[in-house]
PDB file of all heavy atoms in Angstrom:
ATOM      1  N   GLU A   1     -20.391  50.764  57.349  1.00  0.00           N
ATOM      2  CA  GLU A   1     -19.638  49.543  57.473  1.00  0.00           C
ATOM      3  C   GLU A   1     -19.087  49.091  56.098  1.00  0.00           C
ATOM      4  O   GLU A   1     -18.008  48.550  55.978  1.00  0.00           O
ATOM      5  CB  GLU A   1     -20.422  48.457  58.076  1.00  0.00           C
ATOM      6  CG  GLU A   1     -21.731  48.130  57.426  1.00  0.00           C
ATOM      7  CD  GLU A   1     -22.901  48.946  57.792  1.00  0.00           C
ATOM      8  OE1 GLU A   1     -22.692  50.040  58.409  1.00  0.00           O
ATOM      9  OE2 GLU A   1     -24.049  48.531  57.576  1.00  0.00           O
ATOM     10  N   ARG A   2     -19.889  49.320  54.983  1.00  0.00           N
ATOM     11  CA  ARG A   2     -19.423  49.032  53.716  1.00  0.00           C
ATOM     12  C   ARG A   2     -18.199  49.906  53.274  1.00  0.00           C
ATOM     13  O   ARG A   2     -17.264  49.472  52.653  1.00  0.00           O
ATOM     14  CB  ARG A   2     -20.583  49.192  52.661  1.00  0.00           C
ATOM     15  CG  ARG A   2     -20.196  49.003  51.218  1.00  0.00           C
ATOM     16  CD  ARG A   2     -19.665  47.640  50.932  1.00  0.00           C
ATOM     17  NE  ARG A   2     -19.407  47.383  49.480  1.00  0.00           N
ATOM     18  CZ  ARG A   2     -18.640  46.457  49.051  1.00  0.00           C
ATOM     19  NH1 ARG A   2     -17.984  45.649  49.793  1.00  0.00           N
ATOM     20  NH2 ARG A   2     -18.480  46.314  47.698  1.00  0.00           N
ATOM     21  N   VAL A   3     -18.322  51.230  53.579  1.00  0.00           N
ATOM     22  CA  VAL A   3     -17.236  52.150  53.230  1.00  0.00           C
ATOM     23  C   VAL A   3     -15.983  51.722  53.986  1.00  0.00           C
ATOM     24  O   VAL A   3     -14.919  51.713  53.436  1.00  0.00           O
ATOM     25  CB  VAL A   3     -17.602  53.584  53.696  1.00  0.00           C
ATOM     26  CG1 VAL A   3     -16.443  54.535  53.541  1.00  0.00           C
ATOM     27  CG2 VAL A   3     -18.812  54.070  52.839  1.00  0.00           C
ATOM     28  N   GLY A   4     -16.124  51.250  55.276  1.00  0.00           N
ATOM     29  CA  GLY A   4     -14.915  50.787  55.998  1.00  0.00           C
ATOM     30  C   GLY A   4     -14.359  49.594  55.360  1.00  0.00           C
ATOM     31  O   GLY A   4     -13.164  49.396  55.266  1.00  0.00           O
ATOM     32  N   ALA A   5     -15.108  48.686  54.902  1.00  0.00           N
ATOM     33  CA  ALA A   5     -14.659  47.454  54.253  1.00  0.00           C
ATOM     34  C   ALA A   5     -13.981  47.793  52.939  1.00  0.00           C
ATOM     35  O   ALA A   5     -12.838  47.182  52.642  1.00  0.00           O
ATOM     36  CB  ALA A   5     -15.816  46.490  53.956  1.00  0.00           C
ATOM     37  N   LEU A   6     -14.490  48.728  52.174  1.00  0.00           N
ATOM     38  CA  LEU A   6     -13.807  49.151  50.934  1.00  0.00           C
ATOM     39  C   LEU A   6     -12.439  49.765  51.283  1.00  0.00           C
ATOM     40  O   LEU A   6     -11.438  49.617  50.556  1.00  0.00           O
ATOM     41  CB  LEU A   6     -14.678  50.089  50.163  1.00  0.00           C
ATOM     42  CG  LEU A   6     -15.907  49.489  49.609  1.00  0.00           C
ATOM     43  CD1 LEU A   6     -16.743  50.573  48.958  1.00  0.00           C
ATOM     44  CD2 LEU A   6     -15.640  48.406  48.462  1.00  0.00           C
ATOM     45  N   ALA A   7     -12.421  50.561  52.325  1.00  0.00           N
ATOM     46  CA  ALA A   7     -11.123  51.185  52.725  1.00  0.00           C
ATOM     47  C   ALA A   7     -10.062  50.202  53.041  1.00  0.00           C
ATOM     48  O   ALA A   7      -8.900  50.332  52.754  1.00  0.00           O
ATOM     49  CB  ALA A   7     -11.353  52.130  53.925  1.00  0.00           C
ATOM     50  N   ARG A   8     -10.482  49.096  53.646  1.00  0.00           N
ATOM     51  CA  ARG A   8      -9.530  48.048  54.041  1.00  0.00           C
ATOM     52  C   ARG A   8      -9.010  47.243  52.808  1.00  0.00           C
ATOM     53  O   ARG A   8      -8.009  46.535  52.961  1.00  0.00           O
ATOM     54  CB  ARG A   8     -10.158  47.078  55.085  1.00  0.00           C
ATOM     55  CG  ARG A   8     -10.360  47.741  56.471  1.00  0.00           C
ATOM     56  CD  ARG A   8     -10.756  46.770  57.476  1.00  0.00           C
ATOM     57  NE  ARG A   8     -12.080  46.183  57.179  1.00  0.00           N
ATOM     58  CZ  ARG A   8     -13.243  46.788  57.675  1.00  0.00           C
ATOM     59  NH1 ARG A   8     -13.215  47.960  58.331  1.00  0.00           N
ATOM     60  NH2 ARG A   8     -14.455  46.188  57.463  1.00  0.00           N
ATOM     61  N   THR A   9      -9.680  47.368  51.649  1.00  0.00           N
ATOM     62  CA  THR A   9      -9.114  46.718  50.512  1.00  0.00           C
ATOM     63  C   THR A   9      -7.877  47.387  50.012  1.00  0.00           C
ATOM     64  O   THR A   9      -7.050  46.855  49.220  1.00  0.00           O
ATOM     65  CB  THR A   9     -10.127  46.614  49.338  1.00  0.00           C
ATOM     66  OG1 THR A   9     -10.472  47.923  48.927  1.00  0.00           O
ATOM     67  CG2 THR A   9     -11.415  45.922  49.818  1.00  0.00           C
ATOM     68  N   SER A  10      -7.654  48.614  50.393  1.00  0.00           N
ATOM     69  CA  SER A  10      -6.493  49.384  49.958  1.00  0.00           C
ATOM     70  C   SER A  10      -5.271  48.988  50.751  1.00  0.00           C
ATOM     71  O   SER A  10      -5.353  48.826  52.012  1.00  0.00           O
ATOM     72  CB  SER A  10      -6.747  50.922  50.069  1.00  0.00           C
ATOM     73  OG  SER A  10      -5.575  51.664  50.068  1.00  0.00           O
ATOM     74  N   ALA A  11      -4.070  48.975  50.193  1.00  0.00           N
ATOM     75  CA  ALA A  11      -2.846  48.749  50.913  1.00  0.00           C
ATOM     76  C   ALA A  11      -2.622  49.929  51.959  1.00  0.00           C
ATOM     77  O   ALA A  11      -1.944  49.729  52.926  1.00  0.00           O
ATOM     78  CB  ALA A  11      -1.663  48.597  49.950  1.00  0.00           C
ATOM     79  N   LEU A  12      -3.158  51.059  51.659  1.00  0.00           N
ATOM     80  CA  LEU A  12      -2.931  52.195  52.513  1.00  0.00           C
ATOM     81  C   LEU A  12      -4.012  52.214  53.582  1.00  0.00           C
ATOM     82  O   LEU A  12      -3.965  53.092  54.523  1.00  0.00           O
ATOM     83  CB  LEU A  12      -3.033  53.549  51.666  1.00  0.00           C
ATOM     84  CG  LEU A  12      -1.963  53.652  50.595  1.00  0.00           C
ATOM     85  CD1 LEU A  12      -2.136  54.993  49.800  1.00  0.00           C
ATOM     86  CD2 LEU A  12      -0.494  53.615  51.218  1.00  0.00           C
ATOM     87  N   GLY A  13      -5.009  51.423  53.512  1.00  0.00           N
ATOM     88  CA  GLY A  13      -6.025  51.275  54.581  1.00  0.00           C
ATOM     89  C   GLY A  13      -7.035  52.402  54.630  1.00  0.00           C
ATOM     90  O   GLY A  13      -7.663  52.626  55.642  1.00  0.00           O
ATOM     91  N   ARG A  14      -7.221  53.049  53.516  1.00  0.00           N
ATOM     92  CA  ARG A  14      -8.193  54.165  53.425  1.00  0.00           C
ATOM     93  C   ARG A  14      -8.723  54.393  52.030  1.00  0.00           C
ATOM     94  O   ARG A  14      -8.059  53.857  51.071  1.00  0.00           O
ATOM     95  CB  ARG A  14      -7.504  55.426  53.911  1.00  0.00           C
ATOM     96  CG  ARG A  14      -6.362  55.965  53.164  1.00  0.00           C
ATOM     97  CD  ARG A  14      -5.802  57.267  53.666  1.00  0.00           C
ATOM     98  NE  ARG A  14      -4.637  57.749  52.901  1.00  0.00           N
ATOM     99  CZ  ARG A  14      -4.662  58.408  51.781  1.00  0.00           C
ATOM    100  NH1 ARG A  14      -5.875  58.695  51.208  1.00  0.00           N
ATOM    101  NH2 ARG A  14      -3.628  58.830  51.208  1.00  0.00           N
ATOM    102  N   LEU A  15      -9.788  55.073  51.900  1.00  0.00           N
ATOM    103  CA  LEU A  15     -10.229  55.507  50.559  1.00  0.00           C
ATOM    104  C   LEU A  15      -9.433  56.747  50.046  1.00  0.00           C
ATOM    105  O   LEU A  15      -8.762  57.388  50.823  1.00  0.00           O
ATOM    106  CB  LEU A  15     -11.704  55.973  50.685  1.00  0.00           C
ATOM    107  CG  LEU A  15     -12.715  54.958  51.182  1.00  0.00           C
ATOM    108  CD1 LEU A  15     -14.105  55.592  51.146  1.00  0.00           C
ATOM    109  CD2 LEU A  15     -12.687  53.674  50.413  1.00  0.00           C
ATOM    110  N   ALA A  16      -9.433  56.938  48.799  1.00  0.00           N
ATOM    111  CA  ALA A  16      -8.756  58.108  48.154  1.00  0.00           C
ATOM    112  C   ALA A  16      -9.632  59.384  48.521  1.00  0.00           C
ATOM    113  O   ALA A  16     -10.827  59.298  48.455  1.00  0.00           O
ATOM    114  CB  ALA A  16      -8.555  57.933  46.705  1.00  0.00           C
ATOM    115  N   ALA A  17      -8.981  60.530  48.651  1.00  0.00           N
ATOM    116  CA  ALA A  17      -9.646  61.770  48.607  1.00  0.00           C
ATOM    117  C   ALA A  17      -9.848  62.115  47.147  1.00  0.00           C
ATOM    118  O   ALA A  17      -8.906  61.915  46.321  1.00  0.00           O
ATOM    119  CB  ALA A  17      -8.912  62.813  49.369  1.00  0.00           C
ATOM    120  N   PRO A  18     -10.915  62.801  46.842  1.00  0.00           N
ATOM    121  CA  PRO A  18     -11.051  63.218  45.397  1.00  0.00           C
ATOM    122  C   PRO A  18      -9.850  64.055  44.910  1.00  0.00           C
ATOM    123  O   PRO A  18      -9.509  63.925  43.759  1.00  0.00           O
ATOM    124  CB  PRO A  18     -12.333  64.067  45.421  1.00  0.00           C
ATOM    125  CG  PRO A  18     -13.115  63.502  46.546  1.00  0.00           C
ATOM    126  CD  PRO A  18     -12.112  63.110  47.602  1.00  0.00           C
ATOM    127  N   GLU A  19      -9.340  64.793  45.804  1.00  0.00           N
ATOM    128  CA  GLU A  19      -8.181  65.694  45.431  1.00  0.00           C
ATOM    129  C   GLU A  19      -6.936  64.895  44.899  1.00  0.00           C
ATOM    130  O   GLU A  19      -6.155  65.296  44.090  1.00  0.00           O
ATOM    131  CB  GLU A  19      -7.819  66.650  46.579  1.00  0.00           C
ATOM    132  CG  GLU A  19      -8.839  67.747  46.871  1.00  0.00           C
ATOM    133  CD  GLU A  19      -9.898  67.213  47.733  1.00  0.00           C
ATOM    134  OE1 GLU A  19      -9.964  65.976  48.178  1.00  0.00           O
ATOM    135  OE2 GLU A  19     -10.932  67.967  48.007  1.00  0.00           O
ATOM    136  N   GLU A  20      -6.862  63.698  45.512  1.00  0.00           N
ATOM    137  CA  GLU A  20      -5.633  62.811  45.164  1.00  0.00           C
ATOM    138  C   GLU A  20      -5.799  62.332  43.666  1.00  0.00           C
ATOM    139  O   GLU A  20      -4.795  62.107  42.999  1.00  0.00           O
ATOM    140  CB  GLU A  20      -5.542  61.669  46.202  1.00  0.00           C
ATOM    141  CG  GLU A  20      -5.144  62.125  47.582  1.00  0.00           C
ATOM    142  CD  GLU A  20      -5.092  60.991  48.526  1.00  0.00           C
ATOM    143  OE1 GLU A  20      -6.158  60.348  48.775  1.00  0.00           O
ATOM    144  OE2 GLU A  20      -4.048  60.799  49.142  1.00  0.00           O
ATOM    145  N   ILE A  21      -7.013  61.990  43.334  1.00  0.00           N
ATOM    146  CA  ILE A  21      -7.265  61.592  41.973  1.00  0.00           C
ATOM    147  C   ILE A  21      -7.058  62.804  40.990  1.00  0.00           C
ATOM    148  O   ILE A  21      -6.463  62.700  39.960  1.00  0.00           O
ATOM    149  CB  ILE A  21      -8.710  60.960  41.745  1.00  0.00           C
ATOM    150  CG1 ILE A  21      -8.902  59.883  42.807  1.00  0.00           C
ATOM    151  CG2 ILE A  21      -8.873  60.515  40.346  1.00  0.00           C
ATOM    152  CD1 ILE A  21      -7.882  58.768  42.800  1.00  0.00           C
ATOM    153  N   ALA A  22      -7.612  63.957  41.424  1.00  0.00           N
ATOM    154  CA  ALA A  22      -7.533  65.184  40.628  1.00  0.00           C
ATOM    155  C   ALA A  22      -6.085  65.577  40.389  1.00  0.00           C
ATOM    156  O   ALA A  22      -5.749  66.030  39.314  1.00  0.00           O
ATOM    157  CB  ALA A  22      -8.241  66.325  41.302  1.00  0.00           C
ATOM    158  N   ALA A  23      -5.204  65.393  41.354  1.00  0.00           N
ATOM    159  CA  ALA A  23      -3.783  65.690  41.170  1.00  0.00           C
ATOM    160  C   ALA A  23      -3.127  64.887  40.107  1.00  0.00           C
ATOM    161  O   ALA A  23      -2.340  65.445  39.230  1.00  0.00           O
ATOM    162  CB  ALA A  23      -3.047  65.507  42.481  1.00  0.00           C
ATOM    163  N   VAL A  24      -3.515  63.623  39.962  1.00  0.00           N
ATOM    164  CA  VAL A  24      -2.934  62.819  38.839  1.00  0.00           C
ATOM    165  C   VAL A  24      -3.524  63.220  37.495  1.00  0.00           C
ATOM    166  O   VAL A  24      -2.797  63.357  36.469  1.00  0.00           O
ATOM    167  CB  VAL A  24      -3.182  61.321  39.093  1.00  0.00           C
ATOM    168  CG1 VAL A  24      -2.589  60.489  38.002  1.00  0.00           C
ATOM    169  CG2 VAL A  24      -2.600  60.886  40.513  1.00  0.00           C
ATOM    170  N   ILE A  25      -4.802  63.552  37.511  1.00  0.00           N
ATOM    171  CA  ILE A  25      -5.478  64.040  36.273  1.00  0.00           C
ATOM    172  C   ILE A  25      -4.772  65.365  35.793  1.00  0.00           C
ATOM    173  O   ILE A  25      -4.529  65.590  34.617  1.00  0.00           O
ATOM    174  CB  ILE A  25      -6.991  64.231  36.498  1.00  0.00           C
ATOM    175  CG1 ILE A  25      -7.713  62.929  36.647  1.00  0.00           C
ATOM    176  CG2 ILE A  25      -7.598  65.025  35.300  1.00  0.00           C
ATOM    177  CD1 ILE A  25      -9.178  63.030  37.019  1.00  0.00           C
ATOM    178  N   ALA A  26      -4.516  66.229  36.747  1.00  0.00           N
ATOM    179  CA  ALA A  26      -3.882  67.495  36.450  1.00  0.00           C
ATOM    180  C   ALA A  26      -2.583  67.299  35.854  1.00  0.00           C
ATOM    181  O   ALA A  26      -2.127  67.978  34.904  1.00  0.00           O
ATOM    182  CB  ALA A  26      -3.809  68.391  37.650  1.00  0.00           C
ATOM    183  N   PHE A  27      -1.789  66.347  36.314  1.00  0.00           N
ATOM    184  CA  PHE A  27      -0.478  66.044  35.777  1.00  0.00           C
ATOM    185  C   PHE A  27      -0.597  65.532  34.391  1.00  0.00           C
ATOM    186  O   PHE A  27       0.098  65.987  33.418  1.00  0.00           O
ATOM    187  CB  PHE A  27       0.216  64.999  36.714  1.00  0.00           C
ATOM    188  CG  PHE A  27       1.467  64.416  36.032  1.00  0.00           C
ATOM    189  CD1 PHE A  27       2.630  65.182  35.867  1.00  0.00           C
ATOM    190  CD2 PHE A  27       1.484  63.178  35.564  1.00  0.00           C
ATOM    191  CE1 PHE A  27       3.727  64.640  35.247  1.00  0.00           C
ATOM    192  CE2 PHE A  27       2.606  62.550  34.961  1.00  0.00           C
ATOM    193  CZ  PHE A  27       3.721  63.335  34.800  1.00  0.00           C
ATOM    194  N   LEU A  28      -1.444  64.540  34.170  1.00  0.00           N
ATOM    195  CA  LEU A  28      -1.628  63.886  32.795  1.00  0.00           C
ATOM    196  C   LEU A  28      -2.099  64.969  31.809  1.00  0.00           C
ATOM    197  O   LEU A  28      -1.703  64.935  30.622  1.00  0.00           O
ATOM    198  CB  LEU A  28      -2.661  62.728  32.886  1.00  0.00           C
ATOM    199  CG  LEU A  28      -2.236  61.534  33.625  1.00  0.00           C
ATOM    200  CD1 LEU A  28      -3.445  60.561  33.788  1.00  0.00           C
ATOM    201  CD2 LEU A  28      -1.040  60.884  32.964  1.00  0.00           C
ATOM    202  N   ALA A  29      -2.978  65.920  32.256  1.00  0.00           N
ATOM    203  CA  ALA A  29      -3.454  66.865  31.306  1.00  0.00           C
ATOM    204  C   ALA A  29      -2.426  67.944  30.941  1.00  0.00           C
ATOM    205  O   ALA A  29      -2.503  68.583  29.945  1.00  0.00           O
ATOM    206  CB  ALA A  29      -4.674  67.577  31.964  1.00  0.00           C
ATOM    207  N   SER A  30      -1.416  68.111  31.812  1.00  0.00           N
ATOM    208  CA  SER A  30      -0.508  69.256  31.698  1.00  0.00           C
ATOM    209  C   SER A  30       0.687  68.852  30.737  1.00  0.00           C
ATOM    210  O   SER A  30       0.929  67.696  30.426  1.00  0.00           O
ATOM    211  CB  SER A  30       0.037  69.622  33.081  1.00  0.00           C
ATOM    212  OG  SER A  30       1.029  68.656  33.472  1.00  0.00           O
ATOM    213  N   ASP A  31       1.457  69.927  30.427  1.00  0.00           N
ATOM    214  CA  ASP A  31       2.650  69.676  29.573  1.00  0.00           C
ATOM    215  C   ASP A  31       3.703  68.939  30.318  1.00  0.00           C
ATOM    216  O   ASP A  31       4.670  68.462  29.702  1.00  0.00           O
ATOM    217  CB  ASP A  31       3.160  71.103  29.124  1.00  0.00           C
ATOM    218  CG  ASP A  31       2.278  71.817  28.079  1.00  0.00           C
ATOM    219  OD1 ASP A  31       1.489  70.990  27.495  1.00  0.00           O
ATOM    220  OD2 ASP A  31       2.388  72.956  27.938  1.00  0.00           O
ATOM    221  N   ARG A  32       3.653  68.819  31.622  1.00  0.00           N
ATOM    222  CA  ARG A  32       4.598  68.022  32.344  1.00  0.00           C
ATOM    223  C   ARG A  32       4.548  66.530  31.955  1.00  0.00           C
ATOM    224  O   ARG A  32       5.558  65.840  32.238  1.00  0.00           O
ATOM    225  CB  ARG A  32       4.421  68.209  33.885  1.00  0.00           C
ATOM    226  CG  ARG A  32       4.660  69.588  34.450  1.00  0.00           C
ATOM    227  CD  ARG A  32       4.267  69.676  35.881  1.00  0.00           C
ATOM    228  NE  ARG A  32       2.911  69.523  36.044  1.00  0.00           N
ATOM    229  CZ  ARG A  32       2.313  69.331  37.244  1.00  0.00           C
ATOM    230  NH1 ARG A  32       3.043  69.249  38.410  1.00  0.00           N
ATOM    231  NH2 ARG A  32       0.983  69.270  37.352  1.00  0.00           N
ATOM    232  N   ALA A  33       3.472  66.149  31.443  1.00  0.00           N
ATOM    233  CA  ALA A  33       3.312  64.748  30.954  1.00  0.00           C
ATOM    234  C   ALA A  33       3.382  64.708  29.487  1.00  0.00           C
ATOM    235  O   ALA A  33       2.714  63.883  28.766  1.00  0.00           O
ATOM    236  CB  ALA A  33       1.933  64.203  31.404  1.00  0.00           C
ATOM    237  N   SER A  34       4.214  65.535  28.887  1.00  0.00           N
ATOM    238  CA  SER A  34       4.277  65.712  27.395  1.00  0.00           C
ATOM    239  C   SER A  34       4.637  64.488  26.632  1.00  0.00           C
ATOM    240  O   SER A  34       4.376  64.393  25.427  1.00  0.00           O
ATOM    241  CB  SER A  34       5.265  66.810  27.096  1.00  0.00           C
ATOM    242  OG  SER A  34       6.533  66.606  27.547  1.00  0.00           O
ATOM    243  N   TYR A  35       5.279  63.472  27.277  1.00  0.00           N
ATOM    244  CA  TYR A  35       5.639  62.283  26.509  1.00  0.00           C
ATOM    245  C   TYR A  35       4.869  61.090  27.048  1.00  0.00           C
ATOM    246  O   TYR A  35       5.264  59.916  26.852  1.00  0.00           O
ATOM    247  CB  TYR A  35       7.171  61.962  26.673  1.00  0.00           C
ATOM    248  CG  TYR A  35       7.739  61.072  25.551  1.00  0.00           C
ATOM    249  CD1 TYR A  35       7.686  61.494  24.241  1.00  0.00           C
ATOM    250  CD2 TYR A  35       8.315  59.875  25.963  1.00  0.00           C
ATOM    251  CE1 TYR A  35       8.189  60.652  23.237  1.00  0.00           C
ATOM    252  CE2 TYR A  35       8.773  59.026  24.876  1.00  0.00           C
ATOM    253  CZ  TYR A  35       8.790  59.426  23.581  1.00  0.00           C
ATOM    254  OH  TYR A  35       9.250  58.589  22.647  1.00  0.00           O
ATOM    255  N   LEU A  36       3.731  61.317  27.658  1.00  0.00           N
ATOM    256  CA  LEU A  36       2.932  60.225  28.235  1.00  0.00           C
ATOM    257  C   LEU A  36       1.602  60.249  27.497  1.00  0.00           C
ATOM    258  O   LEU A  36       0.806  61.188  27.553  1.00  0.00           O
ATOM    259  CB  LEU A  36       2.653  60.515  29.737  1.00  0.00           C
ATOM    260  CG  LEU A  36       2.423  59.307  30.592  1.00  0.00           C
ATOM    261  CD1 LEU A  36       2.612  59.622  32.047  1.00  0.00           C
ATOM    262  CD2 LEU A  36       0.988  58.727  30.422  1.00  0.00           C
ATOM    263  N   THR A  37       1.339  59.165  26.764  1.00  0.00           N
ATOM    264  CA  THR A  37       0.112  59.066  26.036  1.00  0.00           C
ATOM    265  C   THR A  37      -0.347  57.600  25.828  1.00  0.00           C
ATOM    266  O   THR A  37       0.543  56.707  25.874  1.00  0.00           O
ATOM    267  CB  THR A  37       0.138  59.785  24.629  1.00  0.00           C
ATOM    268  OG1 THR A  37      -1.148  59.922  24.084  1.00  0.00           O
ATOM    269  CG2 THR A  37       1.027  59.047  23.691  1.00  0.00           C
ATOM    270  N   GLY A  38      -1.568  57.407  25.653  1.00  0.00           N
ATOM    271  CA  GLY A  38      -2.093  56.019  25.428  1.00  0.00           C
ATOM    272  C   GLY A  38      -2.141  55.180  26.706  1.00  0.00           C
ATOM    273  O   GLY A  38      -2.253  53.947  26.563  1.00  0.00           O
ATOM    274  N   GLN A  39      -2.087  55.831  27.898  1.00  0.00           N
ATOM    275  CA  GLN A  39      -1.946  55.073  29.198  1.00  0.00           C
ATOM    276  C   GLN A  39      -3.204  55.234  30.007  1.00  0.00           C
ATOM    277  O   GLN A  39      -3.815  56.263  30.058  1.00  0.00           O
ATOM    278  CB  GLN A  39      -0.734  55.551  29.928  1.00  0.00           C
ATOM    279  CG  GLN A  39       0.549  55.481  29.115  1.00  0.00           C
ATOM    280  CD  GLN A  39       0.906  54.104  28.769  1.00  0.00           C
ATOM    281  OE1 GLN A  39       0.895  53.188  29.546  1.00  0.00           O
ATOM    282  NE2 GLN A  39       1.222  53.897  27.486  1.00  0.00           N
ATOM    283  N   THR A  40      -3.533  54.191  30.750  1.00  0.00           N
ATOM    284  CA  THR A  40      -4.486  54.220  31.818  1.00  0.00           C
ATOM    285  C   THR A  40      -3.700  53.996  33.070  1.00  0.00           C
ATOM    286  O   THR A  40      -3.184  52.956  33.286  1.00  0.00           O
ATOM    287  CB  THR A  40      -5.607  53.155  31.626  1.00  0.00           C
ATOM    288  OG1 THR A  40      -6.352  53.417  30.438  1.00  0.00           O
ATOM    289  CG2 THR A  40      -6.608  53.228  32.844  1.00  0.00           C
ATOM    290  N   VAL A  41      -3.621  55.084  33.886  1.00  0.00           N
ATOM    291  CA  VAL A  41      -2.796  55.098  35.118  1.00  0.00           C
ATOM    292  C   VAL A  41      -3.657  54.670  36.308  1.00  0.00           C
ATOM    293  O   VAL A  41      -4.611  55.339  36.674  1.00  0.00           O
ATOM    294  CB  VAL A  41      -2.109  56.463  35.338  1.00  0.00           C
ATOM    295  CG1 VAL A  41      -1.252  56.452  36.554  1.00  0.00           C
ATOM    296  CG2 VAL A  41      -1.326  56.901  34.135  1.00  0.00           C
TER     297      VAL A  41
END
């Protein structure tokens, strides 16, 4: 029930999958983000 309540705090109505966070990390770590620094996304 607590997990469900946390999911409802999201505008998308669900929790994130770990892979969704990992995808953003992979982008930030890669050369595709070569002009992105000093940011908390």
